[in-house]
Amino acid sequence: MFTGIIQGQGAITGLEQHGQEMRLSIRALFALPDLSIGESIAVNGVCLTVEQEADNSFTVYASAETMRRTNLGALRPADRVNLERALALGDRLGGHLVSGHVDDLGQVMAISAAGLSHCVRVSHDAALGPEIIARGSIALDGVSLTVNARGPDFLEVNVIPETWRMTALNLWRAGSKINIETDMIGKYVRHLLESRGASGQPGRVTLELLRENGFVY
């Protein structure tokens, strides 16, 4: 589990293609102490497992499904990526709950100045639309952001100067492919409603229904 608060950037130092899968070697551009083999780390918002580590560098392996669904396949040596280690119990939850399981690829449509910040419009598959709400949370390339505006197949976010500086979002350009993970709670509520509808029960949220499924106590 992650928060979408990026701890720093990494640089791709090696890519090994294995059919439709890939091993990535990454050098962290910030101190990454006590990294352990087997721990989870988010790379551009993709939850991966550390295989090897040494001298502030590590390797991870991405399956064919991960390569198909994310932008990891577009990476090249020296490219920068966003890195976040898994959340530990007791840590501050500064962003929102992020699983590291990317839902789909989006594409940057436009970037414009908004004071010292940047307003970014992103297109996405219309199937994701019901899980994206205005002023709700979303993870883009692993960064927790707030949806300022939305439409059936697009969303807009505002990236403040510190986030723009600290992350690889400053490398985005119109046409860039980016990883999208919608809000976890929204996904479960949607699945719950669709499941109830398919079973012939009313597809509407009630307090009792939310309580039964652990959303309300």
N, C-alpha and C. Protein backbone atom coordinates (compact mmCIF):
# COMPACT_ATOMS: atom_id res chain seq x y z
N MET A 1 0.85 -1.18 0.00
CA MET A 1 0.00 0.00 0.00
C MET A 1 0.88 1.24 0.00
N PHE A 2 0.44 2.26 -0.75
CA PHE A 2 1.22 3.49 -0.88
C PHE A 2 0.30 4.68 -0.62
N THR A 3 0.90 5.89 -0.66
CA THR A 3 0.13 7.10 -0.38
C THR A 3 0.08 8.06 -1.55
N GLY A 4 0.94 7.86 -2.55
CA GLY A 4 1.02 8.80 -3.65
C GLY A 4 1.88 10.01 -3.34
N ILE A 5 2.57 9.99 -2.19
CA ILE A 5 3.53 11.04 -1.84
C ILE A 5 4.91 10.55 -2.27
N ILE A 6 5.40 11.04 -3.37
CA ILE A 6 6.65 10.54 -3.95
C ILE A 6 7.84 10.93 -3.07
N GLN A 7 8.72 9.96 -2.81
CA GLN A 7 9.87 10.22 -1.95
C GLN A 7 11.07 10.74 -2.73
N GLY A 8 11.08 10.53 -4.02
CA GLY A 8 12.18 11.00 -4.85
C GLY A 8 12.12 10.35 -6.22
N GLN A 9 13.12 10.64 -7.02
CA GLN A 9 13.16 10.10 -8.37
C GLN A 9 14.27 9.06 -8.50
N GLY A 10 14.13 8.22 -9.51
CA GLY A 10 15.15 7.25 -9.84
C GLY A 10 15.49 7.37 -11.31
N ALA A 11 16.66 6.87 -11.68
CA ALA A 11 17.10 6.88 -13.07
C ALA A 11 17.22 5.44 -13.56
N ILE A 12 16.69 5.16 -14.74
CA ILE A 12 16.79 3.82 -15.32
C ILE A 12 18.23 3.60 -15.76
N THR A 13 18.85 2.53 -15.25
CA THR A 13 20.23 2.22 -15.61
C THR A 13 20.33 0.98 -16.49
N GLY A 14 19.26 0.21 -16.58
CA GLY A 14 19.29 -0.98 -17.43
C GLY A 14 17.91 -1.55 -17.65
N LEU A 15 17.71 -2.12 -18.84
CA LEU A 15 16.44 -2.76 -19.20
C LEU A 15 16.75 -4.08 -19.89
N GLU A 16 16.23 -5.18 -19.35
CA GLU A 16 16.42 -6.51 -19.95
C GLU A 16 15.08 -7.04 -20.40
N GLN A 17 14.92 -7.20 -21.69
CA GLN A 17 13.66 -7.71 -22.24
C GLN A 17 13.66 -9.23 -22.15
N HIS A 18 12.58 -9.80 -21.66
CA HIS A 18 12.40 -11.25 -21.58
C HIS A 18 11.04 -11.57 -22.18
N GLY A 19 11.00 -11.70 -23.51
CA GLY A 19 9.71 -11.87 -24.18
C GLY A 19 8.89 -10.60 -23.98
N GLN A 20 7.70 -10.76 -23.41
CA GLN A 20 6.85 -9.60 -23.14
C GLN A 20 7.05 -9.05 -21.73
N GLU A 21 8.02 -9.60 -21.02
CA GLU A 21 8.32 -9.15 -19.66
C GLU A 21 9.63 -8.37 -19.65
N MET A 22 9.91 -7.72 -18.53
CA MET A 22 11.12 -6.90 -18.48
C MET A 22 11.67 -6.80 -17.07
N ARG A 23 12.99 -6.83 -16.97
CA ARG A 23 13.68 -6.53 -15.72
C ARG A 23 14.25 -5.12 -15.84
N LEU A 24 13.97 -4.30 -14.81
CA LEU A 24 14.42 -2.92 -14.80
C LEU A 24 15.45 -2.71 -13.69
N SER A 25 16.55 -2.06 -14.04
CA SER A 25 17.55 -1.66 -13.05
C SER A 25 17.40 -0.15 -12.84
N ILE A 26 17.35 0.25 -11.57
CA ILE A 26 17.05 1.65 -11.24
C ILE A 26 18.02 2.13 -10.17
N ARG A 27 18.55 3.33 -10.37
CA ARG A 27 19.39 3.98 -9.36
C ARG A 27 18.59 5.11 -8.73
N ALA A 28 18.40 5.04 -7.43
CA ALA A 28 17.66 6.09 -6.73
C ALA A 28 18.50 7.36 -6.69
N LEU A 29 17.88 8.50 -6.95
CA LEU A 29 18.57 9.79 -6.93
C LEU A 29 18.41 10.49 -5.59
N PHE A 30 18.11 9.70 -4.57
CA PHE A 30 18.00 10.18 -3.20
C PHE A 30 18.37 9.02 -2.29
N ALA A 31 18.62 9.28 -1.03
CA ALA A 31 19.02 8.22 -0.11
C ALA A 31 17.89 7.22 0.06
N LEU A 32 18.21 5.95 -0.09
CA LEU A 32 17.22 4.87 0.01
C LEU A 32 17.78 3.83 0.98
N PRO A 33 17.83 4.13 2.26
CA PRO A 33 18.48 3.25 3.23
C PRO A 33 17.67 2.00 3.54
N ASP A 34 18.39 0.93 3.86
CA ASP A 34 17.77 -0.30 4.35
C ASP A 34 16.75 -0.90 3.38
N LEU A 35 16.97 -0.72 2.11
CA LEU A 35 16.09 -1.35 1.13
C LEU A 35 16.29 -2.86 1.20
N SER A 36 15.19 -3.60 1.24
CA SER A 36 15.27 -5.05 1.43
C SER A 36 14.78 -5.81 0.20
N ILE A 37 15.45 -6.89 -0.10
CA ILE A 37 14.98 -7.78 -1.16
C ILE A 37 13.60 -8.32 -0.77
N GLY A 38 12.67 -8.25 -1.70
CA GLY A 38 11.31 -8.73 -1.45
C GLY A 38 10.33 -7.65 -1.06
N GLU A 39 10.81 -6.45 -0.73
CA GLU A 39 9.88 -5.39 -0.35
C GLU A 39 9.26 -4.76 -1.60
N SER A 40 8.11 -4.15 -1.41
CA SER A 40 7.40 -3.50 -2.51
C SER A 40 7.87 -2.06 -2.66
N ILE A 41 7.95 -1.64 -3.91
CA ILE A 41 8.28 -0.25 -4.21
C ILE A 41 7.47 0.16 -5.43
N ALA A 42 6.96 1.38 -5.41
CA ALA A 42 6.17 1.88 -6.53
C ALA A 42 7.08 2.63 -7.49
N VAL A 43 7.06 2.21 -8.75
CA VAL A 43 7.84 2.84 -9.81
C VAL A 43 6.84 3.45 -10.80
N ASN A 44 6.78 4.78 -10.84
CA ASN A 44 5.74 5.47 -11.62
C ASN A 44 4.35 4.97 -11.24
N GLY A 45 4.19 4.68 -9.96
CA GLY A 45 2.88 4.24 -9.47
C GLY A 45 2.59 2.77 -9.64
N VAL A 46 3.56 1.99 -10.12
CA VAL A 46 3.38 0.55 -10.34
C VAL A 46 4.04 -0.21 -9.19
N CYS A 47 3.28 -1.00 -8.47
CA CYS A 47 3.82 -1.77 -7.36
C CYS A 47 4.68 -2.92 -7.89
N LEU A 48 5.97 -2.91 -7.57
CA LEU A 48 6.90 -3.94 -8.02
C LEU A 48 7.70 -4.45 -6.82
N THR A 49 8.35 -5.58 -6.99
CA THR A 49 9.09 -6.22 -5.91
C THR A 49 10.59 -6.11 -6.15
N VAL A 50 11.31 -5.68 -5.12
CA VAL A 50 12.76 -5.55 -5.22
C VAL A 50 13.39 -6.94 -5.30
N GLU A 51 14.15 -7.17 -6.37
CA GLU A 51 14.85 -8.46 -6.55
C GLU A 51 16.26 -8.42 -5.98
N GLN A 52 16.98 -7.35 -6.31
CA GLN A 52 18.36 -7.17 -5.86
C GLN A 52 18.54 -5.72 -5.48
N GLU A 53 19.48 -5.45 -4.58
CA GLU A 53 19.77 -4.06 -4.20
C GLU A 53 21.22 -3.94 -3.78
N ALA A 54 21.81 -2.80 -4.14
CA ALA A 54 23.19 -2.50 -3.76
C ALA A 54 23.49 -1.06 -4.13
N ASP A 55 24.17 -0.35 -3.23
CA ASP A 55 24.66 1.00 -3.52
C ASP A 55 23.56 1.91 -4.04
N ASN A 56 22.42 1.92 -3.36
CA ASN A 56 21.31 2.81 -3.68
C ASN A 56 20.68 2.50 -5.04
N SER A 57 20.93 1.28 -5.54
CA SER A 57 20.33 0.82 -6.79
C SER A 57 19.60 -0.49 -6.53
N PHE A 58 18.67 -0.83 -7.42
CA PHE A 58 17.91 -2.06 -7.24
C PHE A 58 17.34 -2.51 -8.58
N THR A 59 16.91 -3.76 -8.62
CA THR A 59 16.25 -4.28 -9.82
C THR A 59 14.84 -4.76 -9.44
N VAL A 60 13.93 -4.65 -10.41
CA VAL A 60 12.57 -5.14 -10.27
C VAL A 60 12.18 -5.83 -11.57
N TYR A 61 11.16 -6.65 -11.50
CA TYR A 61 10.73 -7.42 -12.68
C TYR A 61 9.26 -7.15 -12.94
N ALA A 62 8.94 -6.83 -14.19
CA ALA A 62 7.56 -6.50 -14.57
C ALA A 62 7.00 -7.59 -15.48
N SER A 63 5.82 -8.09 -15.14
CA SER A 63 5.17 -9.15 -15.92
C SER A 63 4.60 -8.59 -17.22
N ALA A 64 4.16 -9.48 -18.08
CA ALA A 64 3.56 -9.07 -19.36
C ALA A 64 2.32 -8.23 -19.13
N GLU A 65 1.50 -8.58 -18.14
CA GLU A 65 0.29 -7.81 -17.85
C GLU A 65 0.65 -6.40 -17.39
N THR A 66 1.67 -6.30 -16.54
CA THR A 66 2.12 -4.99 -16.09
C THR A 66 2.64 -4.17 -17.25
N MET A 67 3.40 -4.78 -18.14
CA MET A 67 3.94 -4.06 -19.29
C MET A 67 2.82 -3.59 -20.22
N ARG A 68 1.80 -4.40 -20.35
CA ARG A 68 0.69 -4.05 -21.25
C ARG A 68 -0.13 -2.89 -20.70
N ARG A 69 -0.29 -2.85 -19.39
CA ARG A 69 -1.23 -1.90 -18.79
C ARG A 69 -0.57 -0.58 -18.37
N THR A 70 0.76 -0.51 -18.34
CA THR A 70 1.45 0.66 -17.81
C THR A 70 2.40 1.27 -18.84
N ASN A 71 3.04 2.36 -18.43
CA ASN A 71 3.99 3.02 -19.33
C ASN A 71 5.43 2.55 -19.13
N LEU A 72 5.63 1.48 -18.40
CA LEU A 72 7.00 1.01 -18.16
C LEU A 72 7.69 0.59 -19.45
N GLY A 73 6.92 0.10 -20.40
CA GLY A 73 7.51 -0.35 -21.66
C GLY A 73 8.09 0.79 -22.49
N ALA A 74 7.70 2.02 -22.19
CA ALA A 74 8.21 3.17 -22.95
C ALA A 74 9.50 3.72 -22.36
N LEU A 75 9.93 3.18 -21.22
CA LEU A 75 11.13 3.70 -20.56
C LEU A 75 12.39 3.35 -21.34
N ARG A 76 13.37 4.25 -21.25
CA ARG A 76 14.67 4.07 -21.88
C ARG A 76 15.75 4.38 -20.86
N PRO A 77 16.99 3.87 -21.05
CA PRO A 77 18.07 4.18 -20.11
C PRO A 77 18.22 5.69 -19.90
N ALA A 78 18.42 6.07 -18.65
CA ALA A 78 18.57 7.45 -18.19
C ALA A 78 17.24 8.15 -17.95
N ASP A 79 16.12 7.54 -18.36
CA ASP A 79 14.82 8.14 -18.05
C ASP A 79 14.63 8.17 -16.54
N ARG A 80 13.87 9.16 -16.06
CA ARG A 80 13.59 9.29 -14.64
C ARG A 80 12.20 8.78 -14.31
N VAL A 81 12.07 8.19 -13.13
CA VAL A 81 10.79 7.64 -12.67
C VAL A 81 10.53 8.09 -11.25
N ASN A 82 9.25 8.10 -10.87
CA ASN A 82 8.85 8.42 -9.50
C ASN A 82 8.97 7.17 -8.63
N LEU A 83 9.50 7.35 -7.42
CA LEU A 83 9.68 6.22 -6.51
C LEU A 83 8.99 6.49 -5.18
N GLU A 84 8.34 5.46 -4.66
CA GLU A 84 7.76 5.53 -3.32
C GLU A 84 7.84 4.15 -2.68
N ARG A 85 8.40 4.08 -1.49
CA ARG A 85 8.42 2.82 -0.75
C ARG A 85 7.05 2.58 -0.13
N ALA A 86 6.77 1.33 0.19
CA ALA A 86 5.46 0.98 0.74
C ALA A 86 5.23 1.66 2.08
N LEU A 87 3.96 1.94 2.34
CA LEU A 87 3.54 2.58 3.57
C LEU A 87 3.74 1.63 4.75
N ALA A 88 4.31 2.14 5.83
CA ALA A 88 4.45 1.37 7.07
C ALA A 88 3.36 1.80 8.04
N LEU A 89 2.86 0.84 8.82
CA LEU A 89 1.85 1.18 9.82
C LEU A 89 2.40 2.23 10.77
N GLY A 90 1.63 3.27 10.98
CA GLY A 90 2.08 4.36 11.84
C GLY A 90 2.63 5.54 11.07
N ASP A 91 2.90 5.37 9.76
CA ASP A 91 3.36 6.49 8.94
C ASP A 91 2.22 7.47 8.70
N ARG A 92 2.58 8.71 8.37
CA ARG A 92 1.57 9.70 8.00
C ARG A 92 0.98 9.35 6.64
N LEU A 93 -0.33 9.45 6.53
CA LEU A 93 -1.01 9.20 5.25
C LEU A 93 -1.28 10.57 4.63
N GLY A 94 -0.27 11.10 3.95
CA GLY A 94 -0.36 12.46 3.45
C GLY A 94 -1.12 12.61 2.15
N GLY A 95 -1.23 11.54 1.37
CA GLY A 95 -1.94 11.62 0.10
C GLY A 95 -3.28 10.92 0.20
N HIS A 96 -3.40 9.75 -0.44
CA HIS A 96 -4.58 8.92 -0.29
C HIS A 96 -4.15 7.47 -0.46
N LEU A 97 -5.03 6.53 -0.20
CA LEU A 97 -4.67 5.12 -0.30
C LEU A 97 -4.47 4.73 -1.76
N VAL A 98 -3.26 4.30 -2.07
CA VAL A 98 -2.88 3.92 -3.44
C VAL A 98 -2.37 2.49 -3.40
N SER A 99 -2.92 1.63 -4.24
CA SER A 99 -2.53 0.22 -4.21
C SER A 99 -1.31 -0.09 -5.07
N GLY A 100 -1.02 0.76 -6.04
CA GLY A 100 0.06 0.46 -6.98
C GLY A 100 -0.38 -0.45 -8.10
N HIS A 101 -1.69 -0.67 -8.21
CA HIS A 101 -2.25 -1.50 -9.29
C HIS A 101 -2.91 -0.56 -10.31
N VAL A 102 -2.18 -0.28 -11.37
CA VAL A 102 -2.60 0.70 -12.37
C VAL A 102 -3.83 0.21 -13.13
N ASP A 103 -4.80 1.10 -13.30
CA ASP A 103 -6.03 0.73 -14.00
C ASP A 103 -5.89 0.83 -15.51
N ASP A 104 -5.18 1.85 -15.98
CA ASP A 104 -5.07 2.02 -17.43
C ASP A 104 -4.08 3.14 -17.73
N LEU A 105 -3.77 3.28 -19.01
CA LEU A 105 -2.92 4.38 -19.46
C LEU A 105 -3.77 5.56 -19.87
N GLY A 106 -3.34 6.75 -19.49
CA GLY A 106 -3.94 7.98 -19.98
C GLY A 106 -2.93 8.68 -20.86
N GLN A 107 -3.34 9.80 -21.44
CA GLN A 107 -2.44 10.58 -22.29
C GLN A 107 -2.59 12.06 -21.97
N VAL A 108 -1.46 12.73 -21.82
CA VAL A 108 -1.48 14.17 -21.56
C VAL A 108 -1.99 14.89 -22.81
N MET A 109 -3.04 15.67 -22.63
CA MET A 109 -3.62 16.43 -23.74
C MET A 109 -3.00 17.82 -23.81
N ALA A 110 -2.86 18.47 -22.66
CA ALA A 110 -2.34 19.83 -22.63
C ALA A 110 -1.81 20.15 -21.25
N ILE A 111 -0.81 21.04 -21.19
CA ILE A 111 -0.25 21.55 -19.94
C ILE A 111 -0.23 23.07 -20.05
N SER A 112 -0.79 23.73 -19.07
CA SER A 112 -0.82 25.20 -19.10
C SER A 112 -0.44 25.74 -17.73
N ALA A 113 0.09 26.96 -17.72
CA ALA A 113 0.47 27.60 -16.46
C ALA A 113 -0.78 28.03 -15.72
N ALA A 114 -0.74 27.87 -14.39
CA ALA A 114 -1.82 28.32 -13.51
C ALA A 114 -1.16 28.98 -12.31
N GLY A 115 -0.79 30.27 -12.44
CA GLY A 115 0.06 30.90 -11.45
C GLY A 115 1.43 30.26 -11.52
N LEU A 116 1.94 29.79 -10.38
CA LEU A 116 3.21 29.06 -10.36
C LEU A 116 3.01 27.56 -10.53
N SER A 117 1.77 27.13 -10.57
CA SER A 117 1.44 25.71 -10.74
C SER A 117 1.25 25.38 -12.22
N HIS A 118 0.96 24.10 -12.48
CA HIS A 118 0.68 23.65 -13.83
C HIS A 118 -0.67 22.94 -13.85
N CYS A 119 -1.51 23.33 -14.78
CA CYS A 119 -2.80 22.64 -14.99
C CYS A 119 -2.60 21.63 -16.10
N VAL A 120 -2.93 20.38 -15.82
CA VAL A 120 -2.71 19.30 -16.78
C VAL A 120 -4.04 18.63 -17.10
N ARG A 121 -4.34 18.54 -18.40
CA ARG A 121 -5.53 17.81 -18.83
C ARG A 121 -5.09 16.46 -19.38
N VAL A 122 -5.76 15.40 -18.93
CA VAL A 122 -5.39 14.03 -19.29
C VAL A 122 -6.61 13.32 -19.87
N SER A 123 -6.43 12.70 -21.02
CA SER A 123 -7.50 11.88 -21.59
C SER A 123 -7.38 10.46 -21.07
N HIS A 124 -8.52 9.77 -20.97
CA HIS A 124 -8.51 8.39 -20.48
C HIS A 124 -9.66 7.62 -21.11
N ASP A 125 -9.64 6.31 -20.96
CA ASP A 125 -10.72 5.46 -21.44
C ASP A 125 -12.00 5.86 -20.73
N ALA A 126 -13.06 6.03 -21.49
CA ALA A 126 -14.34 6.44 -20.90
C ALA A 126 -14.84 5.45 -19.85
N ALA A 127 -14.37 4.20 -19.92
CA ALA A 127 -14.80 3.20 -18.94
C ALA A 127 -14.36 3.57 -17.52
N LEU A 128 -13.31 4.39 -17.39
CA LEU A 128 -12.85 4.81 -16.06
C LEU A 128 -13.67 5.97 -15.51
N GLY A 129 -14.44 6.62 -16.36
CA GLY A 129 -15.15 7.83 -15.97
C GLY A 129 -15.95 7.73 -14.68
N PRO A 130 -16.73 6.66 -14.48
CA PRO A 130 -17.54 6.57 -13.25
C PRO A 130 -16.73 6.51 -11.96
N GLU A 131 -15.44 6.17 -12.05
CA GLU A 131 -14.60 6.08 -10.86
C GLU A 131 -13.85 7.38 -10.56
N ILE A 132 -14.05 8.39 -11.39
CA ILE A 132 -13.33 9.66 -11.23
C ILE A 132 -14.34 10.75 -10.92
N ILE A 133 -14.14 11.43 -9.80
CA ILE A 133 -15.08 12.48 -9.40
C ILE A 133 -14.32 13.79 -9.17
N ALA A 134 -14.98 14.89 -9.44
CA ALA A 134 -14.37 16.20 -9.20
C ALA A 134 -14.06 16.36 -7.72
N ARG A 135 -12.87 16.88 -7.44
CA ARG A 135 -12.34 17.08 -6.09
C ARG A 135 -12.08 15.76 -5.36
N GLY A 136 -12.09 14.67 -6.11
CA GLY A 136 -11.68 13.39 -5.57
C GLY A 136 -10.19 13.18 -5.81
N SER A 137 -9.68 12.06 -5.32
CA SER A 137 -8.25 11.75 -5.44
C SER A 137 -7.98 10.84 -6.62
N ILE A 138 -6.80 11.00 -7.20
CA ILE A 138 -6.37 10.12 -8.29
C ILE A 138 -4.85 10.04 -8.25
N ALA A 139 -4.28 8.92 -8.68
CA ALA A 139 -2.83 8.78 -8.76
C ALA A 139 -2.42 8.77 -10.23
N LEU A 140 -1.56 9.70 -10.61
CA LEU A 140 -1.03 9.79 -11.97
C LEU A 140 0.48 9.59 -11.92
N ASP A 141 0.97 8.54 -12.57
CA ASP A 141 2.37 8.14 -12.46
C ASP A 141 2.79 8.04 -11.00
N GLY A 142 1.83 7.60 -10.17
CA GLY A 142 2.12 7.35 -8.76
C GLY A 142 1.97 8.54 -7.85
N VAL A 143 1.63 9.72 -8.40
CA VAL A 143 1.53 10.94 -7.61
C VAL A 143 0.07 11.18 -7.22
N SER A 144 -0.18 11.36 -5.94
CA SER A 144 -1.52 11.64 -5.46
C SER A 144 -1.90 13.07 -5.82
N LEU A 145 -2.99 13.22 -6.58
CA LEU A 145 -3.44 14.54 -7.04
C LEU A 145 -4.95 14.64 -6.85
N THR A 146 -5.44 15.87 -6.88
CA THR A 146 -6.87 16.13 -6.75
C THR A 146 -7.45 16.45 -8.12
N VAL A 147 -8.57 15.83 -8.45
CA VAL A 147 -9.24 16.09 -9.72
C VAL A 147 -9.95 17.44 -9.62
N ASN A 148 -9.51 18.39 -10.43
CA ASN A 148 -10.13 19.72 -10.44
C ASN A 148 -11.39 19.74 -11.31
N ALA A 149 -11.34 19.04 -12.41
CA ALA A 149 -12.47 18.99 -13.34
C ALA A 149 -12.43 17.66 -14.07
N ARG A 150 -13.57 17.26 -14.59
CA ARG A 150 -13.63 15.97 -15.29
C ARG A 150 -14.70 16.00 -16.36
N GLY A 151 -14.57 15.08 -17.31
CA GLY A 151 -15.58 14.84 -18.31
C GLY A 151 -15.68 13.34 -18.52
N PRO A 152 -16.45 12.88 -19.49
CA PRO A 152 -16.61 11.44 -19.69
C PRO A 152 -15.29 10.72 -19.98
N ASP A 153 -14.35 11.42 -20.64
CA ASP A 153 -13.10 10.76 -21.01
C ASP A 153 -11.87 11.65 -20.79
N PHE A 154 -11.97 12.58 -19.85
CA PHE A 154 -10.81 13.40 -19.52
C PHE A 154 -10.91 13.88 -18.08
N LEU A 155 -9.77 14.31 -17.54
CA LEU A 155 -9.73 14.92 -16.22
C LEU A 155 -8.67 16.01 -16.23
N GLU A 156 -8.77 16.91 -15.27
CA GLU A 156 -7.78 17.96 -15.10
C GLU A 156 -7.29 17.97 -13.66
N VAL A 157 -5.98 18.16 -13.49
CA VAL A 157 -5.38 18.28 -12.17
C VAL A 157 -4.50 19.51 -12.14
N ASN A 158 -4.25 20.01 -10.94
CA ASN A 158 -3.34 21.13 -10.74
C ASN A 158 -2.12 20.60 -9.99
N VAL A 159 -0.95 20.83 -10.54
CA VAL A 159 0.29 20.34 -9.92
C VAL A 159 1.03 21.54 -9.34
N ILE A 160 1.18 21.56 -8.01
CA ILE A 160 1.83 22.69 -7.35
C ILE A 160 3.34 22.66 -7.63
N PRO A 161 4.04 23.80 -7.43
CA PRO A 161 5.46 23.87 -7.76
C PRO A 161 6.32 22.81 -7.07
N GLU A 162 6.06 22.51 -5.79
CA GLU A 162 6.89 21.53 -5.08
C GLU A 162 6.73 20.14 -5.68
N THR A 163 5.51 19.75 -6.02
CA THR A 163 5.29 18.45 -6.65
C THR A 163 5.93 18.41 -8.03
N TRP A 164 5.82 19.50 -8.78
CA TRP A 164 6.43 19.58 -10.11
C TRP A 164 7.95 19.43 -10.02
N ARG A 165 8.54 20.02 -8.97
CA ARG A 165 9.99 19.96 -8.80
C ARG A 165 10.45 18.59 -8.31
N MET A 166 9.72 18.00 -7.38
CA MET A 166 10.15 16.77 -6.71
C MET A 166 9.94 15.52 -7.53
N THR A 167 9.06 15.55 -8.50
CA THR A 167 8.69 14.35 -9.23
C THR A 167 9.07 14.45 -10.71
N ALA A 168 8.89 13.34 -11.41
CA ALA A 168 9.16 13.32 -12.85
C ALA A 168 8.00 13.85 -13.67
N LEU A 169 7.00 14.43 -13.01
CA LEU A 169 5.89 15.02 -13.75
C LEU A 169 6.38 16.18 -14.61
N ASN A 170 7.49 16.81 -14.23
CA ASN A 170 7.99 17.93 -15.02
C ASN A 170 8.54 17.49 -16.38
N LEU A 171 8.58 16.18 -16.60
CA LEU A 171 8.99 15.66 -17.91
C LEU A 171 7.79 15.42 -18.83
N TRP A 172 6.58 15.56 -18.28
CA TRP A 172 5.39 15.37 -19.10
C TRP A 172 5.35 16.39 -20.23
N ARG A 173 4.87 15.93 -21.36
CA ARG A 173 4.61 16.77 -22.51
C ARG A 173 3.28 16.33 -23.13
N ALA A 174 2.69 17.15 -23.95
CA ALA A 174 1.48 16.73 -24.66
C ALA A 174 1.79 15.45 -25.42
N GLY A 175 0.96 14.43 -25.23
CA GLY A 175 1.18 13.13 -25.85
C GLY A 175 1.81 12.10 -24.93
N SER A 176 2.34 12.53 -23.78
CA SER A 176 2.96 11.58 -22.85
C SER A 176 1.93 10.58 -22.34
N LYS A 177 2.32 9.31 -22.31
CA LYS A 177 1.47 8.26 -21.74
C LYS A 177 1.74 8.17 -20.25
N ILE A 178 0.68 8.17 -19.44
CA ILE A 178 0.86 8.17 -17.99
C ILE A 178 -0.02 7.11 -17.35
N ASN A 179 0.46 6.59 -16.22
CA ASN A 179 -0.28 5.57 -15.48
C ASN A 179 -1.38 6.21 -14.65
N ILE A 180 -2.58 5.63 -14.72
CA ILE A 180 -3.71 6.13 -13.95
C ILE A 180 -4.18 5.03 -12.99
N GLU A 181 -4.28 5.40 -11.71
CA GLU A 181 -4.96 4.54 -10.74
C GLU A 181 -6.07 5.36 -10.11
N THR A 182 -7.31 4.94 -10.30
CA THR A 182 -8.43 5.67 -9.73
C THR A 182 -8.54 5.39 -8.24
N ASP A 183 -9.38 6.15 -7.57
CA ASP A 183 -9.53 6.03 -6.13
C ASP A 183 -10.02 4.64 -5.72
N MET A 184 -9.34 4.04 -4.77
CA MET A 184 -9.63 2.66 -4.37
C MET A 184 -11.06 2.49 -3.85
N ILE A 185 -11.51 3.43 -3.03
CA ILE A 185 -12.86 3.31 -2.46
C ILE A 185 -13.90 3.38 -3.57
N GLY A 186 -13.71 4.29 -4.53
CA GLY A 186 -14.64 4.41 -5.65
C GLY A 186 -14.74 3.13 -6.46
N LYS A 187 -13.61 2.44 -6.64
CA LYS A 187 -13.62 1.19 -7.40
C LYS A 187 -14.45 0.12 -6.69
N TYR A 188 -14.28 0.03 -5.38
CA TYR A 188 -15.02 -0.99 -4.63
C TYR A 188 -16.51 -0.68 -4.60
N VAL A 189 -16.85 0.60 -4.44
CA VAL A 189 -18.26 0.96 -4.45
C VAL A 189 -18.88 0.66 -5.80
N ARG A 190 -18.16 0.98 -6.87
CA ARG A 190 -18.67 0.69 -8.22
C ARG A 190 -18.89 -0.80 -8.42
N HIS A 191 -17.89 -1.59 -8.02
CA HIS A 191 -18.01 -3.04 -8.16
C HIS A 191 -19.18 -3.58 -7.36
N LEU A 192 -19.36 -3.04 -6.16
CA LEU A 192 -20.46 -3.47 -5.31
C LEU A 192 -21.81 -3.18 -5.97
N LEU A 193 -21.96 -1.98 -6.52
CA LEU A 193 -23.21 -1.61 -7.16
C LEU A 193 -23.47 -2.47 -8.38
N GLU A 194 -22.42 -2.70 -9.20
CA GLU A 194 -22.60 -3.51 -10.41
C GLU A 194 -22.94 -4.95 -10.05
N SER A 195 -22.32 -5.46 -8.98
CA SER A 195 -22.61 -6.83 -8.55
C SER A 195 -24.05 -6.96 -8.08
N ARG A 196 -24.53 -5.97 -7.32
CA ARG A 196 -25.91 -6.00 -6.84
C ARG A 196 -26.89 -5.90 -8.01
N GLY A 197 -26.53 -5.05 -8.99
CA GLY A 197 -27.39 -4.91 -10.15
C GLY A 197 -27.48 -6.20 -10.95
N ALA A 198 -26.34 -6.89 -11.09
CA ALA A 198 -26.32 -8.14 -11.86
C ALA A 198 -27.10 -9.24 -11.17
N SER A 199 -27.20 -9.16 -9.85
CA SER A 199 -27.91 -10.20 -9.11
C SER A 199 -29.41 -9.93 -9.03
N GLY A 200 -29.82 -8.84 -9.66
CA GLY A 200 -31.25 -8.53 -9.66
C GLY A 200 -31.68 -7.66 -8.50
N GLN A 201 -30.75 -7.30 -7.63
CA GLN A 201 -31.07 -6.42 -6.51
C GLN A 201 -30.90 -4.97 -6.95
N PRO A 202 -31.53 -4.05 -6.31
CA PRO A 202 -31.43 -2.64 -6.71
C PRO A 202 -30.00 -2.15 -6.70
N GLY A 203 -29.58 -1.50 -7.77
CA GLY A 203 -28.22 -0.99 -7.88
C GLY A 203 -28.11 0.39 -7.28
N ARG A 204 -28.37 0.55 -5.98
CA ARG A 204 -28.28 1.85 -5.34
C ARG A 204 -27.60 1.70 -3.99
N VAL A 205 -26.95 2.76 -3.58
CA VAL A 205 -26.24 2.74 -2.30
C VAL A 205 -27.21 3.05 -1.18
N THR A 206 -27.22 2.23 -0.15
CA THR A 206 -27.98 2.53 1.07
C THR A 206 -27.02 2.44 2.24
N LEU A 207 -27.37 3.06 3.34
CA LEU A 207 -26.53 3.01 4.53
C LEU A 207 -26.33 1.57 4.97
N GLU A 208 -27.37 0.77 4.89
CA GLU A 208 -27.27 -0.63 5.29
C GLU A 208 -26.29 -1.38 4.39
N LEU A 209 -26.37 -1.11 3.07
CA LEU A 209 -25.49 -1.79 2.12
C LEU A 209 -24.03 -1.42 2.37
N LEU A 210 -23.76 -0.14 2.60
CA LEU A 210 -22.40 0.29 2.87
C LEU A 210 -21.88 -0.31 4.17
N ARG A 211 -22.76 -0.39 5.19
CA ARG A 211 -22.34 -0.96 6.48
C ARG A 211 -22.03 -2.45 6.32
N GLU A 212 -22.84 -3.17 5.55
CA GLU A 212 -22.63 -4.60 5.34
C GLU A 212 -21.26 -4.89 4.73
N ASN A 213 -20.78 -3.96 3.89
CA ASN A 213 -19.54 -4.20 3.16
C ASN A 213 -18.36 -3.41 3.71
N GLY A 214 -18.50 -2.90 4.93
CA GLY A 214 -17.36 -2.34 5.64
C GLY A 214 -17.01 -0.91 5.32
N PHE A 215 -17.88 -0.19 4.55
CA PHE A 215 -17.58 1.19 4.24
C PHE A 215 -18.05 2.13 5.32
N VAL A 216 -19.04 1.71 6.12
CA VAL A 216 -19.57 2.53 7.21
C VAL A 216 -19.63 1.68 8.46
N TYR A 217 -19.29 2.24 9.60
CA TYR A 217 -19.30 1.48 10.87
C TYR A 217 -20.28 2.10 11.84
